[in-house]
Amino acid sequence: MAAMSQNDPIAQLKALAERFDRLAEQHRRLAEENRSLRQAQEQLVAERAQLLNKNEQARSRVEAMIARLKSLEHNA
């Protein structure tokens, strides 16, 4: 029977169509996963930028407090 299906163009066409359908579904799943990963990456990049900004603001406040303390120390 396997030899017969190899020579049967209809069976070959059906097998090819099934393979195409599986590949199309795999492509759809991978495209969705890729979209999801890109969205997560964009979110992480934005979150990182916010954290860097907050870190810089905290650093500036600490440096300002140190400068005020030094100023108080010299004025005392």
C-alpha atoms as a PDB file:
ATOM      1  CA  MET A   1       0.000   0.000   0.000  1.00  0.00           C
ATOM      2  CA  ALA A   2       2.885   2.415   0.788  1.00  0.00           C
ATOM      3  CA  ALA A   3       4.350   1.849  -2.662  1.00  0.00           C
ATOM      4  CA  MET A   4       0.953   2.539  -4.160  1.00  0.00           C
ATOM      5  CA  SER A   5       0.595   5.858  -2.301  1.00  0.00           C
ATOM      6  CA  GLN A   6       4.025   6.967  -3.513  1.00  0.00           C
ATOM      7  CA  ASN A   7       2.795   6.586  -7.090  1.00  0.00           C
ATOM      8  CA  ASP A   8      -0.655   8.023  -6.335  1.00  0.00           C
ATOM      9  CA  PRO A   9      -0.596  11.741  -7.140  1.00  0.00           C
ATOM     10  CA  ILE A  10      -3.758  12.351  -5.092  1.00  0.00           C
ATOM     11  CA  ALA A  11      -2.172  10.766  -2.004  1.00  0.00           C
ATOM     12  CA  GLN A  12       1.005  12.775  -2.597  1.00  0.00           C
ATOM     13  CA  LEU A  13      -1.024  15.966  -2.936  1.00  0.00           C
ATOM     14  CA  LYS A  14      -2.943  15.218   0.272  1.00  0.00           C
ATOM     15  CA  ALA A  15       0.300  14.531   2.141  1.00  0.00           C
ATOM     16  CA  LEU A  16       1.784  17.750   0.796  1.00  0.00           C
ATOM     17  CA  ALA A  17      -1.342  19.697   1.809  1.00  0.00           C
ATOM     18  CA  GLU A  18      -1.176  18.237   5.330  1.00  0.00           C
ATOM     19  CA  ARG A  19       2.494  19.145   5.592  1.00  0.00           C
ATOM     20  CA  PHE A  20       1.732  22.651   4.358  1.00  0.00           C
ATOM     21  CA  ASP A  21      -1.047  23.009   6.944  1.00  0.00           C
ATOM     22  CA  ARG A  22       1.300  21.907   9.741  1.00  0.00           C
ATOM     23  CA  LEU A  23       3.986  24.338   8.567  1.00  0.00           C
ATOM     24  CA  ALA A  24       1.458  27.172   8.267  1.00  0.00           C
ATOM     25  CA  GLU A  25       0.240  26.500  11.825  1.00  0.00           C
ATOM     26  CA  GLN A  26       3.813  26.360  13.115  1.00  0.00           C
ATOM     27  CA  HIS A  27       4.538  29.659  11.343  1.00  0.00           C
ATOM     28  CA  ARG A  28       1.453  31.245  12.917  1.00  0.00           C
ATOM     29  CA  ARG A  29       2.480  30.069  16.393  1.00  0.00           C
ATOM     30  CA  LEU A  30       6.058  31.283  15.940  1.00  0.00           C
ATOM     31  CA  ALA A  31       4.903  34.650  14.594  1.00  0.00           C
ATOM     32  CA  GLU A  32       2.637  35.075  17.639  1.00  0.00           C
ATOM     33  CA  GLU A  33       5.452  34.067  19.994  1.00  0.00           C
ATOM     34  CA  ASN A  34       7.804  36.500  18.256  1.00  0.00           C
ATOM     35  CA  ARG A  35       5.238  39.309  18.575  1.00  0.00           C
ATOM     36  CA  SER A  36       4.767  38.519  22.249  1.00  0.00           C
ATOM     37  CA  LEU A  37       8.521  38.456  22.889  1.00  0.00           C
ATOM     38  CA  ARG A  38       9.024  41.765  21.099  1.00  0.00           C
ATOM     39  CA  GLN A  39       6.249  43.325  23.178  1.00  0.00           C
ATOM     40  CA  ALA A  40       7.833  41.992  26.387  1.00  0.00           C
ATOM     41  CA  GLN A  41      11.228  43.312  25.287  1.00  0.00           C
ATOM     42  CA  GLU A  42       9.779  46.782  24.627  1.00  0.00           C
ATOM     43  CA  GLN A  43       8.157  46.745  28.049  1.00  0.00           C
ATOM     44  CA  LEU A  44      11.423  45.724  29.729  1.00  0.00           C
ATOM     45  CA  VAL A  45      13.362  48.423  27.868  1.00  0.00           C
ATOM     46  CA  ALA A  46      10.846  51.047  29.015  1.00  0.00           C
ATOM     47  CA  GLU A  47      10.979  49.735  32.587  1.00  0.00           C
ATOM     48  CA  ARG A  48      14.790  49.831  32.514  1.00  0.00           C
ATOM     49  CA  ALA A  49      14.731  53.442  31.316  1.00  0.00           C
ATOM     50  CA  GLN A  50      12.393  54.377  34.172  1.00  0.00           C
ATOM     51  CA  LEU A  51      14.624  52.637  36.709  1.00  0.00           C
ATOM     52  CA  LEU A  52      17.728  54.361  35.362  1.00  0.00           C
ATOM     53  CA  ASN A  53      15.921  57.707  35.631  1.00  0.00           C
ATOM     54  CA  LYS A  54      14.840  57.001  39.220  1.00  0.00           C
ATOM     55  CA  ASN A  55      18.384  55.900  40.063  1.00  0.00           C
ATOM     56  CA  GLU A  56      19.790  59.134  38.657  1.00  0.00           C
ATOM     57  CA  GLN A  57      17.247  61.192  40.613  1.00  0.00           C
ATOM     58  CA  ALA A  58      18.142  59.345  43.830  1.00  0.00           C
ATOM     59  CA  ARG A  59      21.849  59.877  43.158  1.00  0.00           C
ATOM     60  CA  SER A  60      21.275  63.607  42.676  1.00  0.00           C
ATOM     61  CA  ARG A  61      19.311  63.849  45.938  1.00  0.00           C
ATOM     62  CA  VAL A  62      22.012  61.974  47.861  1.00  0.00           C
ATOM     63  CA  GLU A  63      24.737  64.180  46.390  1.00  0.00           C
ATOM     64  CA  ALA A  64      22.704  67.297  47.319  1.00  0.00           C
ATOM     65  CA  MET A  65      22.289  66.010  50.902  1.00  0.00           C
ATOM     66  CA  ILE A  66      26.019  65.323  51.164  1.00  0.00           C
ATOM     67  CA  ALA A  67      26.771  68.838  49.908  1.00  0.00           C
ATOM     68  CA  ARG A  68      24.369  70.334  52.481  1.00  0.00           C
ATOM     69  CA  LEU A  69      25.905  68.266  55.277  1.00  0.00           C
ATOM     70  CA  LYS A  70      29.399  69.397  54.275  1.00  0.00           C
ATOM     71  CA  SER A  71      28.162  72.965  54.181  1.00  0.00           C
ATOM     72  CA  LEU A  72      26.639  72.626  57.645  1.00  0.00           C
ATOM     73  CA  GLU A  73      29.866  71.061  58.877  1.00  0.00           C
ATOM     74  CA  HIS A  74      31.935  73.984  57.605  1.00  0.00           C
ATOM     75  CA  ASN A  75      29.510  76.571  59.010  1.00  0.00           C
ATOM     76  CA  ALA A  76      29.399  74.976  62.435  1.00  0.00           C
END
